[in-house]
Protein backbone atom coordinates (compact mmCIF):
# COMPACT_ATOMS: atom_id res chain seq x y z
CA UNK A 1 71.36 115.51 96.12
CA UNK A 2 74.89 116.38 97.26
CA UNK A 3 77.11 118.48 94.97
CA UNK A 4 79.08 116.51 92.36
CA UNK A 5 82.78 115.67 92.17
CA UNK A 6 84.72 115.06 88.91
CA UNK A 7 87.59 112.57 89.03
CA UNK A 8 90.69 112.60 86.82
CA UNK A 9 92.90 109.49 86.37
CA UNK A 10 96.37 110.24 85.04
CA UNK A 11 98.47 107.28 83.93
CA UNK A 12 98.40 103.52 83.90
CA UNK A 13 98.89 102.87 87.62
CA UNK A 14 96.31 105.54 88.42
CA UNK A 15 93.93 103.60 86.17
CA UNK A 16 94.71 100.34 87.99
CA UNK A 17 93.64 102.08 91.18
CA UNK A 18 90.72 103.80 89.46
CA UNK A 19 89.39 100.54 88.06
CA UNK A 20 89.21 99.08 91.59
CA UNK A 21 87.72 102.35 92.91
CA UNK A 22 84.89 102.28 90.35
CA UNK A 23 84.29 98.58 90.92
CA UNK A 24 83.74 99.36 94.58
CA UNK A 25 81.24 102.07 93.65
CA UNK A 26 79.49 99.71 91.25
CA UNK A 27 79.21 96.99 93.84
CA UNK A 28 77.85 99.41 96.43
CA UNK A 29 75.18 100.54 93.99
CA UNK A 30 74.26 96.91 93.23
CA UNK A 31 73.64 96.10 96.89
CA UNK A 32 70.62 98.41 96.74
CA UNK A 33 68.81 95.57 95.00
CA UNK A 34 69.67 92.95 97.62
CA UNK A 35 67.39 92.32 100.64
CA UNK A 36 70.09 91.33 103.13
CA UNK A 37 71.80 94.71 102.80
CA UNK A 38 68.88 96.30 104.73
CA UNK A 39 68.71 99.35 102.51
CA UNK A 40 72.26 100.29 103.51
CA UNK A 41 73.12 101.42 100.03
CA UNK A 42 70.66 104.29 100.51
CA UNK A 43 73.03 105.76 103.11
CA UNK A 44 75.48 106.65 100.24
CA UNK A 45 74.72 109.28 97.61
CA UNK A 46 76.18 107.63 94.55
CA UNK A 47 75.56 110.69 92.37
CA UNK A 48 78.47 112.53 93.99
CA UNK A 49 80.99 110.48 91.91
CA UNK A 50 78.67 109.04 89.24
CA UNK A 51 76.13 110.34 86.70
CA UNK A 52 72.96 108.40 86.09
CA UNK A 53 70.66 107.79 83.17
CA UNK A 54 67.40 105.92 82.64
CA UNK A 55 66.52 103.71 79.67
CA UNK A 56 63.16 103.18 78.05
CA UNK A 57 62.26 100.39 80.52
CA UNK A 58 62.89 102.66 83.52
CA UNK A 59 66.15 100.94 84.47
CA UNK A 60 68.66 103.32 86.05
CA UNK A 61 72.35 102.96 85.23
CA UNK A 62 75.35 104.85 86.63
CA UNK A 63 78.55 105.91 84.90
CA UNK A 64 81.69 107.19 86.57
CA UNK A 65 82.09 110.95 86.32
CA UNK A 66 85.71 110.63 85.39
CA UNK A 67 88.33 111.58 82.82
CA UNK A 68 90.83 108.84 82.04
CA UNK A 69 94.22 109.44 80.44
CA UNK A 70 96.62 106.70 79.42
CA UNK A 71 99.12 105.55 76.82
CA UNK A 72 98.27 104.00 73.45
CA UNK A 73 97.63 100.33 73.81
CA UNK A 74 96.74 100.54 77.50
CA UNK A 75 93.10 99.46 77.07
CA UNK A 76 93.88 95.91 75.98
CA UNK A 77 90.90 94.40 74.13
CA UNK A 78 88.40 96.88 75.42
CA UNK A 79 87.26 99.92 73.41
CA UNK A 80 84.94 102.49 74.97
CA UNK A 81 84.27 104.19 71.66
CA UNK A 82 81.84 102.45 69.29
CA UNK A 83 83.63 104.10 66.34
CA UNK A 84 87.16 103.05 67.27
CA UNK A 85 87.52 100.38 64.61
CA UNK A 86 86.17 102.71 61.92
CA UNK A 87 88.54 105.48 63.04
CA UNK A 88 91.54 103.21 62.70
CA UNK A 89 90.42 102.10 59.19
CA UNK A 90 89.86 105.72 58.14
CA UNK A 91 93.26 106.78 59.35
CA UNK A 92 94.90 104.02 57.27
CA UNK A 93 92.94 105.03 54.17
CA UNK A 94 93.58 108.78 54.51
CA UNK A 95 97.21 108.78 53.41
CA UNK A 96 98.30 110.57 50.26
CA UNK A 97 100.95 108.01 49.34
CA UNK A 98 100.09 106.29 46.03
CA UNK A 99 102.96 103.83 45.92
CA UNK A 100 103.08 100.28 47.29
CA UNK A 101 102.20 99.85 50.95
CA UNK A 102 103.21 97.14 53.38
CA UNK A 103 101.09 96.77 56.51
CA UNK A 104 102.71 95.28 59.61
CA UNK A 105 100.23 94.68 62.39
CA UNK A 106 99.90 92.62 65.55
CA UNK A 107 96.82 90.76 66.61
CA UNK A 108 94.52 92.92 68.68
CA UNK A 109 94.63 92.11 72.40
CA UNK A 110 91.76 89.86 73.47
CA UNK A 111 89.33 90.79 76.17
CA UNK A 112 89.91 89.01 79.49
CA UNK A 113 87.62 86.12 80.30
CA UNK A 114 86.25 88.13 83.22
CA UNK A 115 85.33 91.03 80.95
CA UNK A 116 83.74 88.68 78.46
CA UNK A 117 81.63 87.06 81.18
CA UNK A 118 80.53 90.46 82.44
CA UNK A 119 79.26 91.39 78.99
CA UNK A 120 77.52 88.04 78.64
CA UNK A 121 75.83 88.54 82.02
CA UNK A 122 74.57 91.96 80.96
CA UNK A 123 72.89 90.42 77.90
CA UNK A 124 71.48 87.37 79.68
CA UNK A 125 67.74 86.77 80.04
CA UNK A 126 66.76 88.03 83.52
CA UNK A 127 63.72 85.73 83.65
CA UNK A 128 65.65 82.48 83.21
CA UNK A 129 66.87 81.63 86.68
CA UNK A 130 68.81 78.52 85.64
CA UNK A 131 70.67 80.42 82.93
CA UNK A 132 71.32 83.29 85.39
CA UNK A 133 72.83 80.85 87.94
CA UNK A 134 75.03 79.29 85.27
CA UNK A 135 76.17 82.72 84.11
CA UNK A 136 76.99 83.70 87.71
CA UNK A 137 79.06 80.58 88.17
CA UNK A 138 80.95 81.34 84.93
CA UNK A 139 81.56 84.89 86.09
CA UNK A 140 82.93 83.72 89.48
CA UNK A 141 85.22 81.18 87.73
CA UNK A 142 86.59 83.95 85.54
CA UNK A 143 87.12 86.15 88.60
CA UNK A 144 88.97 83.30 90.34
CA UNK A 145 91.23 82.96 87.34
CA UNK A 146 91.90 86.71 87.59
CA UNK A 147 93.02 86.31 91.21
CA UNK A 148 95.22 83.33 90.42
CA UNK A 149 96.91 85.28 87.67
CA UNK A 150 97.55 88.10 90.23
CA UNK A 151 98.74 90.57 87.59
CA UNK A 152 96.29 91.23 84.77
CA UNK A 153 98.08 92.83 81.83
CA UNK A 154 95.55 95.67 81.51
CA UNK A 155 93.40 97.50 84.03
CA UNK A 156 90.44 97.01 81.74
CA UNK A 157 90.78 93.20 82.32
CA UNK A 158 88.96 93.63 85.65
CA UNK A 159 87.00 96.84 85.19
CA UNK A 160 83.33 96.09 85.93
CA UNK A 161 81.84 99.38 84.74
CA UNK A 162 81.52 100.97 81.32
CA UNK A 163 83.16 104.34 80.89
CA UNK A 164 81.56 107.01 78.77
CA UNK A 165 83.43 107.33 75.40
CA UNK A 166 83.87 111.04 75.97
CA UNK A 167 85.84 110.49 79.15
CA UNK A 168 88.66 108.22 77.83
CA UNK A 169 91.68 110.05 76.38
CA UNK A 170 94.46 107.96 74.88
CA UNK A 171 97.64 109.84 73.94
CA UNK A 172 98.20 109.11 70.24
CA UNK A 173 101.61 107.79 69.31
CA UNK A 174 102.77 107.57 72.96
CA UNK A 175 103.29 104.01 74.13
CA UNK A 176 104.13 102.57 77.55
CA UNK A 177 107.88 102.66 78.07
CA UNK A 178 108.52 105.68 75.87
CA UNK A 179 111.87 107.20 76.80
CA UNK A 180 110.35 110.64 77.34
CA UNK A 181 107.86 109.29 79.87
CA UNK A 182 110.14 108.23 82.69
CA UNK A 183 110.01 109.70 86.18
CA UNK A 184 108.49 113.16 86.19
CA UNK A 185 107.86 112.88 82.46
CA UNK A 186 107.90 115.31 79.50
CA UNK A 187 108.43 119.02 80.04
CA UNK A 188 105.24 120.94 80.90
CA UNK A 189 105.63 123.06 77.75
CA UNK A 190 106.15 120.09 75.41
CA UNK A 191 103.57 119.45 72.71
CA UNK A 192 102.36 116.25 74.34
CA UNK A 193 101.83 118.02 77.66
CA UNK A 194 99.97 120.94 76.07
CA UNK A 195 97.75 118.67 73.95
CA UNK A 196 96.91 116.42 76.90
CA UNK A 197 96.11 119.42 79.15
CA UNK A 198 93.80 120.94 76.51
CA UNK A 199 92.00 117.64 75.81
CA UNK A 200 91.59 116.86 79.51
CA UNK A 201 90.30 120.36 80.14
CA UNK A 202 87.71 119.92 77.42
CA UNK A 203 86.48 116.66 78.94
CA UNK A 204 86.32 118.07 82.48
CA UNK A 205 84.38 121.02 81.06
CA UNK A 206 81.98 118.57 79.39
CA UNK A 207 81.29 116.93 82.73
CA UNK A 208 81.07 120.19 84.59
CA UNK A 209 78.36 121.46 82.26
CA UNK A 210 76.21 118.48 83.31
CA UNK A 211 76.65 119.13 87.03
CA UNK A 212 74.04 121.00 89.02
CA UNK A 213 76.48 121.99 91.77
CA UNK A 214 80.11 121.06 91.22
CA UNK A 215 81.82 120.81 94.61
CA UNK A 216 85.36 120.05 93.46
CA UNK A 217 87.85 117.76 91.68
CA UNK A 218 89.56 114.56 92.67
CA UNK A 219 92.79 113.56 90.93
CA UNK A 220 94.42 110.09 90.90
CA UNK A 221 97.87 110.54 89.43
CA UNK A 222 100.76 108.24 88.50
CA UNK A 223 103.03 111.26 88.70
CA UNK A 224 106.24 109.27 89.23
CA UNK A 225 105.49 107.03 86.27
CA UNK A 226 105.86 109.61 83.51
CA UNK A 227 102.76 111.70 84.14
CA UNK A 228 104.10 114.31 86.53
CA UNK A 229 104.77 117.11 84.07
CA UNK A 230 101.56 116.41 82.16
CA UNK A 231 99.57 116.18 85.37
CA UNK A 232 100.98 119.50 86.54
CA UNK A 233 99.93 121.11 83.24
CA UNK A 234 96.44 119.64 83.49
CA UNK A 235 95.98 120.69 87.11
CA UNK A 236 97.31 124.18 86.39
CA UNK A 237 94.82 124.63 83.57
CA UNK A 238 91.95 123.37 85.71
CA UNK A 239 92.90 125.68 88.60
CA UNK A 240 92.70 128.67 86.24
CA UNK A 241 89.19 127.72 85.17
CA UNK A 242 87.92 126.30 88.50
CA UNK A 243 89.88 128.49 90.90
CA UNK A 244 87.16 128.43 93.56
CA UNK A 245 86.80 124.63 93.53
CA UNK A 246 88.88 122.47 95.92
CA UNK A 247 91.17 119.88 94.39
CA UNK A 248 92.09 116.67 96.19
CA UNK A 249 95.23 115.13 94.73
CA UNK A 250 96.28 111.50 95.33
CA UNK A 251 99.90 110.92 94.24
CA UNK A 252 100.05 107.14 93.60
CA UNK A 253 103.39 105.38 93.72
CA UNK A 254 104.04 101.76 92.84
CA UNK A 255 105.89 99.70 95.41
CA UNK A 256 108.66 99.01 92.90
CA UNK A 257 109.16 102.77 92.53
CA UNK A 258 109.34 103.17 96.29
CA UNK A 259 111.94 100.43 96.64
CA UNK A 260 113.99 101.91 93.79
CA UNK A 261 113.72 105.31 95.47
CA UNK A 262 115.13 103.96 98.70
CA UNK A 263 117.94 102.05 96.95
CA UNK A 264 118.73 105.07 94.81
CA UNK A 265 119.56 107.21 97.86
CA UNK A 266 122.92 105.50 98.09
CA UNK A 267 123.80 105.50 94.38
CA UNK A 268 124.80 108.11 91.85
CA UNK A 269 123.35 106.65 88.61
CA UNK A 270 121.27 108.76 86.26
CA UNK A 271 118.25 106.59 86.92
CA UNK A 272 118.54 107.10 90.67
CA UNK A 273 118.87 110.85 90.19
CA UNK A 274 115.77 110.84 88.01
CA UNK A 275 113.74 108.95 90.60
CA UNK A 276 114.74 111.16 93.50
CA UNK A 277 114.18 114.37 91.56
CA UNK A 278 110.78 113.12 90.39
CA UNK A 279 109.63 112.78 94.00
CA UNK A 280 110.93 116.25 94.79
CA UNK A 281 109.19 117.74 91.73
CA UNK A 282 105.87 116.10 92.53
CA UNK A 283 105.67 117.52 96.05
CA UNK A 284 107.11 120.94 95.24
CA UNK A 285 105.05 121.51 92.13
CA UNK A 286 101.69 119.91 92.90
CA UNK A 287 101.32 121.29 96.45
CA UNK A 288 101.23 124.74 94.95
CA UNK A 289 98.15 123.79 92.88
CA UNK A 290 96.24 121.22 94.91
CA UNK A 291 94.09 122.02 97.93
CA UNK A 292 95.27 118.79 99.56
CA UNK A 293 98.10 116.48 98.46
CA UNK A 294 98.05 112.88 99.65
CA UNK A 295 100.99 110.62 98.63
CA UNK A 296 100.15 106.89 98.68
CA UNK A 297 102.07 103.62 98.28
CA UNK A 298 101.19 100.09 99.41
CA UNK A 299 103.57 99.01 102.23
CA UNK A 300 106.31 96.55 101.18
CA UNK A 301 105.23 94.18 103.95
CA UNK A 302 101.75 93.91 102.49
CA UNK A 303 100.90 90.65 100.77
CA UNK A 304 100.70 91.18 97.04
CA UNK A 305 102.30 94.64 97.13
CA UNK A 306 104.55 93.75 94.18
CA UNK A 307 101.48 93.22 92.02
CA UNK A 308 99.93 96.41 90.63
CA UNK A 309 96.52 94.69 90.53
CA UNK A 310 96.61 93.78 94.23
CA UNK A 311 98.39 96.86 95.58
CA UNK A 312 96.04 99.13 93.65
CA UNK A 313 93.07 97.40 95.29
CA UNK A 314 94.34 98.35 98.73
CA UNK A 315 94.82 102.01 97.72
CA UNK A 316 91.37 102.10 96.08
CA UNK A 317 89.70 100.71 99.20
CA UNK A 318 91.44 103.39 101.30
CA UNK A 319 90.39 106.22 98.96
CA UNK A 320 86.87 104.82 98.82
CA UNK A 321 86.50 104.90 102.63
CA UNK A 322 88.37 108.13 103.20
CA UNK A 323 86.09 109.98 100.76
CA UNK A 324 82.88 108.39 102.12
CA UNK A 325 82.06 111.52 104.19
CA UNK A 326 81.70 113.41 100.92
CA UNK A 327 78.83 111.22 99.77
CA UNK A 328 77.03 110.20 102.94
CA UNK A 329 73.26 110.52 102.72
CA UNK A 330 72.43 111.44 106.34
CA UNK A 331 68.70 111.59 105.59
CA UNK A 332 68.47 107.88 104.79
CA UNK A 333 67.74 105.53 107.72
CA UNK A 334 68.84 101.90 107.66
CA UNK A 335 68.31 99.07 110.10
CA UNK A 336 71.64 100.00 111.66
CA UNK A 337 70.80 103.72 111.86
CA UNK A 338 71.69 106.69 109.70
CA UNK A 339 75.08 107.84 108.50
CA UNK A 340 76.66 110.52 110.71
CA UNK A 341 79.25 113.20 110.02
CA UNK A 342 78.94 114.00 106.34
CA UNK A 343 81.00 116.88 104.99
CA UNK A 344 82.01 118.48 101.66
CA UNK A 345 85.33 118.59 99.85
CA UNK A 346 86.03 122.23 100.72
CA UNK A 347 85.59 121.60 104.49
CA UNK A 348 87.67 118.40 104.34
CA UNK A 349 90.58 120.10 102.57
CA UNK A 350 90.36 123.18 104.84
CA UNK A 351 90.49 120.99 107.97
CA UNK A 352 93.58 119.07 106.96
CA UNK A 353 95.49 121.85 105.16
CA UNK A 354 94.89 124.42 107.86
CA UNK A 355 97.32 123.49 110.66
CA UNK A 356 100.51 123.54 108.52
CA UNK A 357 101.14 122.52 104.89
CA UNK A 358 98.52 121.06 102.58
CA UNK A 359 99.79 117.45 102.87
CA UNK A 360 97.98 114.52 104.48
CA UNK A 361 98.73 110.90 105.15
CA UNK A 362 96.27 108.03 104.82
CA UNK A 363 95.93 104.78 106.68
CA UNK A 364 93.37 101.97 106.54
CA UNK A 365 92.17 99.19 108.79
CA UNK A 366 90.37 96.55 106.74
CA UNK A 367 88.68 95.27 108.78
CA UNK A 368 88.92 97.22 112.03
CA UNK A 369 88.48 95.59 115.41
CA UNK A 370 85.11 95.11 117.04
CA UNK A 371 83.56 97.73 119.29
CA UNK A 372 84.46 97.30 122.97
CA UNK A 373 81.47 96.18 125.10
CA UNK A 374 80.10 98.46 127.71
CA UNK A 375 79.35 95.83 130.38
CA UNK A 376 81.45 92.95 131.81
CA UNK A 377 78.76 90.41 130.83
CA UNK A 378 78.76 91.64 127.23
CA UNK A 379 82.52 91.73 127.16
CA UNK A 380 82.71 88.11 128.29
CA UNK A 381 80.30 87.10 125.53
CA UNK A 382 82.24 89.19 123.00
CA UNK A 383 85.51 87.42 123.82
CA UNK A 384 83.98 84.04 122.89
CA UNK A 385 82.30 85.23 119.72
CA UNK A 386 84.91 87.57 118.29
CA UNK A 387 86.46 86.47 115.03
CA UNK A 388 89.89 87.85 115.80
CA UNK A 389 89.87 88.93 119.45
CA UNK A 390 90.89 92.45 118.34
CA UNK A 391 88.98 95.49 119.49
CA UNK A 392 88.63 98.84 117.75
CA UNK A 393 91.78 100.89 118.16
CA UNK A 394 93.55 103.91 116.63
CA UNK A 395 97.01 102.40 117.13
CA UNK A 396 97.19 100.74 113.73
CA UNK A 397 99.19 97.80 115.12
CA UNK A 398 96.98 94.96 113.91
CA UNK A 399 97.76 92.77 110.90
CA UNK A 400 94.84 94.35 109.01
CA UNK A 401 96.23 97.91 109.41
CA UNK A 402 98.02 99.59 106.57
CA UNK A 403 99.96 102.90 106.65
CA UNK A 404 99.84 104.02 103.04
CA UNK A 405 102.03 107.15 103.15
CA UNK A 406 105.78 106.42 103.29
CA UNK A 407 108.08 108.12 105.77
CA UNK A 408 105.44 109.47 108.20
CA UNK A 409 104.18 108.56 111.65
CA UNK A 410 100.64 108.81 112.86
CA UNK A 411 101.35 108.85 116.59
CA UNK A 412 99.13 111.11 118.76
CA UNK A 413 102.01 113.54 119.31
CA UNK A 414 102.41 114.16 115.59
CA UNK A 415 98.69 114.46 114.73
CA UNK A 416 97.60 118.02 113.89
CA UNK A 417 94.19 117.37 112.30
CA UNK A 418 92.42 114.27 111.22
CA UNK A 419 89.35 112.97 109.36
CA UNK A 420 88.29 109.48 110.50
CA UNK A 421 85.71 107.29 108.74
CA UNK A 422 84.36 104.18 110.45
CA UNK A 423 82.05 102.06 108.33
CA UNK A 424 80.34 98.72 108.96
CA UNK A 425 81.43 98.58 112.61
CA UNK A 426 80.69 95.36 114.48
CA UNK A 427 79.67 94.55 118.03
CA UNK A 428 80.39 90.86 117.38
CA UNK A 429 81.66 88.61 114.65
CA UNK A 430 78.18 88.31 113.18
CA UNK A 431 76.44 91.55 114.11
CA UNK A 432 76.68 95.13 112.97
CA UNK A 433 76.76 97.99 115.44
CA UNK A 434 74.22 100.72 115.11
CA UNK A 435 75.51 104.16 114.19
CA UNK A 436 75.15 105.58 117.71
CA UNK A 437 77.18 102.72 119.18
CA UNK A 438 79.96 103.19 116.60
CA UNK A 439 80.04 106.94 117.20
CA UNK A 440 80.19 106.53 120.98
CA UNK A 441 83.08 104.02 120.70
CA UNK A 442 85.11 106.18 118.30
CA UNK A 443 84.47 109.34 120.39
CA UNK A 444 85.70 107.47 123.44
CA UNK A 445 88.95 106.53 121.70
CA UNK A 446 89.49 110.12 120.55
CA UNK A 447 88.80 111.46 124.05
CA UNK A 448 91.27 109.01 125.58
CA UNK A 449 93.92 110.02 123.02
CA UNK A 450 93.33 113.67 123.91
CA UNK A 451 93.79 113.00 127.59
CA UNK A 452 97.02 111.06 126.92
CA UNK A 453 98.51 113.88 124.80
CA UNK A 454 97.82 117.09 126.69
CA UNK A 455 99.66 119.86 124.96
CA UNK A 456 99.32 118.22 121.55
CA UNK A 457 95.80 119.18 120.37
CA UNK A 458 94.44 117.45 117.28
CA UNK A 459 91.31 118.71 115.59
CA UNK A 460 89.29 115.68 114.49
CA UNK A 461 86.30 115.08 112.24
CA UNK A 462 84.59 111.69 112.36
CA UNK A 463 82.15 110.05 110.01
CA UNK A 464 80.12 106.97 110.83
CA UNK A 465 78.47 104.85 108.13
CA UNK A 466 76.48 101.65 108.62
CA UNK A 467 77.49 100.55 105.14
CA UNK A 468 80.31 97.93 105.13
CA UNK A 469 82.73 97.57 102.21
CA UNK A 470 80.91 95.80 99.35
CA UNK A 471 83.79 93.81 97.85
CA UNK A 472 83.36 93.11 94.13
CA UNK A 473 84.23 89.74 92.63
CA UNK A 474 87.43 91.18 91.16
CA UNK A 475 88.72 92.37 94.54
CA UNK A 476 91.80 90.41 95.76
CA UNK A 477 91.10 87.69 98.34
CA UNK A 478 93.75 88.69 100.84
CA UNK A 479 92.15 92.06 101.63
CA UNK A 480 89.60 91.70 104.44
CA UNK A 481 88.65 88.14 103.47
CA UNK A 482 90.11 86.15 106.35
CA UNK A 483 88.19 88.04 109.05
CA UNK A 484 85.15 88.22 106.81
CA UNK A 485 85.16 84.48 106.24
CA UNK A 486 85.48 83.82 109.97
CA UNK A 487 82.58 86.15 110.65
CA UNK A 488 80.50 84.33 108.04
CA UNK A 489 81.21 81.00 109.71
CA UNK A 490 80.34 82.45 113.12
CA UNK A 491 77.07 84.01 111.95
CA UNK A 492 75.62 80.73 110.58
CA UNK A 493 72.76 82.72 109.14
CA UNK A 494 71.61 84.03 112.50
CA UNK A 495 70.37 87.61 112.60
CA UNK A 496 70.25 88.01 116.36
CA UNK A 497 72.65 90.32 118.20
CA UNK A 498 73.09 93.53 120.13
CA UNK A 499 71.85 95.70 117.33
CA UNK A 500 69.78 92.95 115.70
CA UNK A 501 71.38 93.56 112.30
CA UNK A 502 73.17 90.67 110.67
CA UNK A 503 76.28 91.55 108.64
CA UNK A 504 75.37 91.27 104.93
CA UNK A 505 77.08 88.53 102.89
CA UNK A 506 79.20 88.72 99.76
CA UNK A 507 79.91 86.19 97.00
CA UNK A 508 83.66 85.51 96.59
CA UNK A 509 85.09 83.37 93.78
CA UNK A 510 86.45 80.04 94.96
CA UNK A 511 85.13 80.59 98.50
CA UNK A 512 81.98 80.29 100.50
CA UNK A 513 80.02 83.47 100.99
CA UNK A 514 81.80 85.90 103.36
CA UNK A 515 80.56 88.69 105.59
CA UNK A 516 81.13 92.19 104.21
CA UNK A 517 84.08 93.69 106.14
CA UNK A 518 84.03 97.05 107.88
CA UNK A 519 86.81 99.62 107.53
CA UNK A 520 88.42 102.49 109.43
CA UNK A 521 90.35 105.19 107.49
CA UNK A 522 92.42 108.01 108.91
CA UNK A 523 93.27 110.97 106.71
CA UNK A 524 95.78 112.79 108.83
CA UNK A 525 97.74 116.06 108.81
CA UNK A 526 100.86 114.96 110.69
CA UNK A 527 103.89 116.91 111.87
CA UNK A 528 106.16 114.05 110.75
CA UNK A 529 105.92 115.44 107.23
CA UNK A 530 108.59 117.93 108.38
CA UNK A 531 111.27 115.23 108.13
CA UNK A 532 110.01 114.01 104.79
CA UNK A 533 110.04 117.49 103.28
CA UNK A 534 113.45 118.36 104.73
CA UNK A 535 114.83 115.13 103.24
CA UNK A 536 113.43 116.02 99.82
CA UNK A 537 114.92 119.50 100.01
CA UNK A 538 118.30 118.02 100.95
CA UNK A 539 118.15 115.56 98.00
CA UNK A 540 117.31 118.36 95.62
CA UNK A 541 120.14 120.56 96.95
CA UNK A 542 122.55 117.65 96.42
CA UNK A 543 121.33 116.58 92.97
CA UNK A 544 120.72 119.89 91.19
CA UNK A 545 124.42 120.84 90.82
CA UNK A 546 125.37 117.35 89.59
CA UNK A 547 125.65 116.63 85.88
CA UNK A 548 123.04 113.85 86.03
CA UNK A 549 120.56 115.95 88.01
CA UNK A 550 121.03 118.94 85.73
CA UNK A 551 120.47 116.75 82.65
CA UNK A 552 117.16 115.49 84.06
CA UNK A 553 115.99 119.01 84.92
CA UNK A 554 116.99 120.33 81.46
CA UNK A 555 115.01 117.48 79.89
CA UNK A 556 111.99 118.41 81.98
CA UNK A 557 112.28 122.08 81.00
CA UNK A 558 113.47 123.59 84.35
CA UNK A 559 116.06 126.33 84.54
CA UNK A 560 118.47 126.85 87.43
CA UNK A 561 116.22 129.61 88.78
CA UNK A 562 113.14 127.32 88.58
CA UNK A 563 114.85 124.57 90.57
CA UNK A 564 116.09 127.03 93.19
CA UNK A 565 112.49 128.23 93.73
CA UNK A 566 111.27 124.63 94.05
CA UNK A 567 114.00 123.78 96.55
CA UNK A 568 113.00 126.81 98.61
CA UNK A 569 109.40 125.71 98.33
CA UNK A 570 110.26 122.35 99.94
CA UNK A 571 112.12 124.01 102.78
CA UNK A 572 109.29 126.48 103.33
CA UNK A 573 106.82 123.57 103.55
CA UNK A 574 109.04 121.79 106.08
CA UNK A 575 109.33 124.93 108.21
CA UNK A 576 105.55 125.15 108.55
CA UNK A 577 105.75 122.11 110.83
CA UNK A 578 108.43 123.56 113.11
CA UNK A 579 107.14 123.27 116.67
CA UNK A 580 108.99 126.43 117.60
CA UNK A 581 106.64 128.33 115.30
CA UNK A 582 103.66 127.47 117.46
CA UNK A 583 102.42 124.17 116.06
């Protein structure tokens, strides 16, 4: 068993992403019980991110090894604590007031239809095939309604897994939209920050005590949505206790925040100052604590990017694929071969943080192109059977390619170090490539890039997994579905092909079954961060002396000396990418 990783989710948007991330893990685990997946699920060690337990009937269940923080009221109709209702009643009865009392209450939020159908399916009689089929149809109908709605009100509306009650931390008395929770958020030394840091630390400690070999921490943070100061306090406390453990930090930004940030650059309002300073604070503060800092936002050109539900799914799929090397089970052999290129969190962070600063960009192809054929005859056959005509490439120019870090470039001249993960690669529209074929094709692309950029060395790590992306019912249609549906139509149930492994099929609500898509992620240390960091330093130098900027920083608990140090930190990070210094 590989060493374990504990995940922290800080804030509502982080939990939107986290819900999709755990749904992907849950679906991958479920494929282990399906014949057409050819034992591919065995190529992933699910215990890296999840803990498992066994009931009296010998059935194994998995629970996310995560700590979730959010505002009061953020769970909708779902409660992960069986004593929640009793706790509310007790708190109402505990007052010392003996006079008349008026109670004003709102109706409790209802569970989504999708969540209700999930719970009904869990309780259904497994031996009744007709009832099981009817239940599955009801579940798919509820998932379709979820997609048509496009923006569920709560992240629990589409969460397919049950979280352990000890892992969910709701800040009492703090509601979404609270004036103190805008931008970077409350000061790190505020009571809410201290209480949240202590409570989160206790929950991480609870998980760590159950781990055999903890290999590190993964953080999903909505640090521009009010959780920056709290997140910094939490991470700082964890670094003190787990100083030797690597910490991978994903800074998650909503597309609306990104658009407001760009518009704010030309205005002088207090809200624009707050947004720009929040970005500066996130990078300057968190990079001092995290082993690797990865800022993410769904591109504005992406379909559905204005919906948190849909944009979060894209980010979750990218994180799921980029972290696959951390949980590859290289000892398991599937019909398409074994996984290749597993690594651990320390090695991954060391690779990407070594060349310059500890920042990395992330991109995703979902799905990637097919592997180029090695012979003219095979290439001719491939051209007629390909679902899209696109071949595997590192250029990222296809319609299914997404650059998820704003302001950077991933050209070969800027690449300093890179971790690539190729999963579920295809040799045709209907057939999976074996692991050795996929590795040879990816190595050839990397070698060609190296020949074309002599004088610009890029250290690369590559991971190959035969396991495609197991899309759950709640996953948005527009991600990977068009190519997957075309592949399904092309396969027509045939299992013949170059590798002899048919692409496994997925149920999708409102559609015929589709082929599971592959994916290619690139986690890249790029020299183009120099411009991003220099721009942040310039913004901070301009905003700090202003009255609006100073008011924000005072609210967040930063003195003039503190901000001067953070501005110097941004410039120092930018200078690490200076080519004149030997990069």
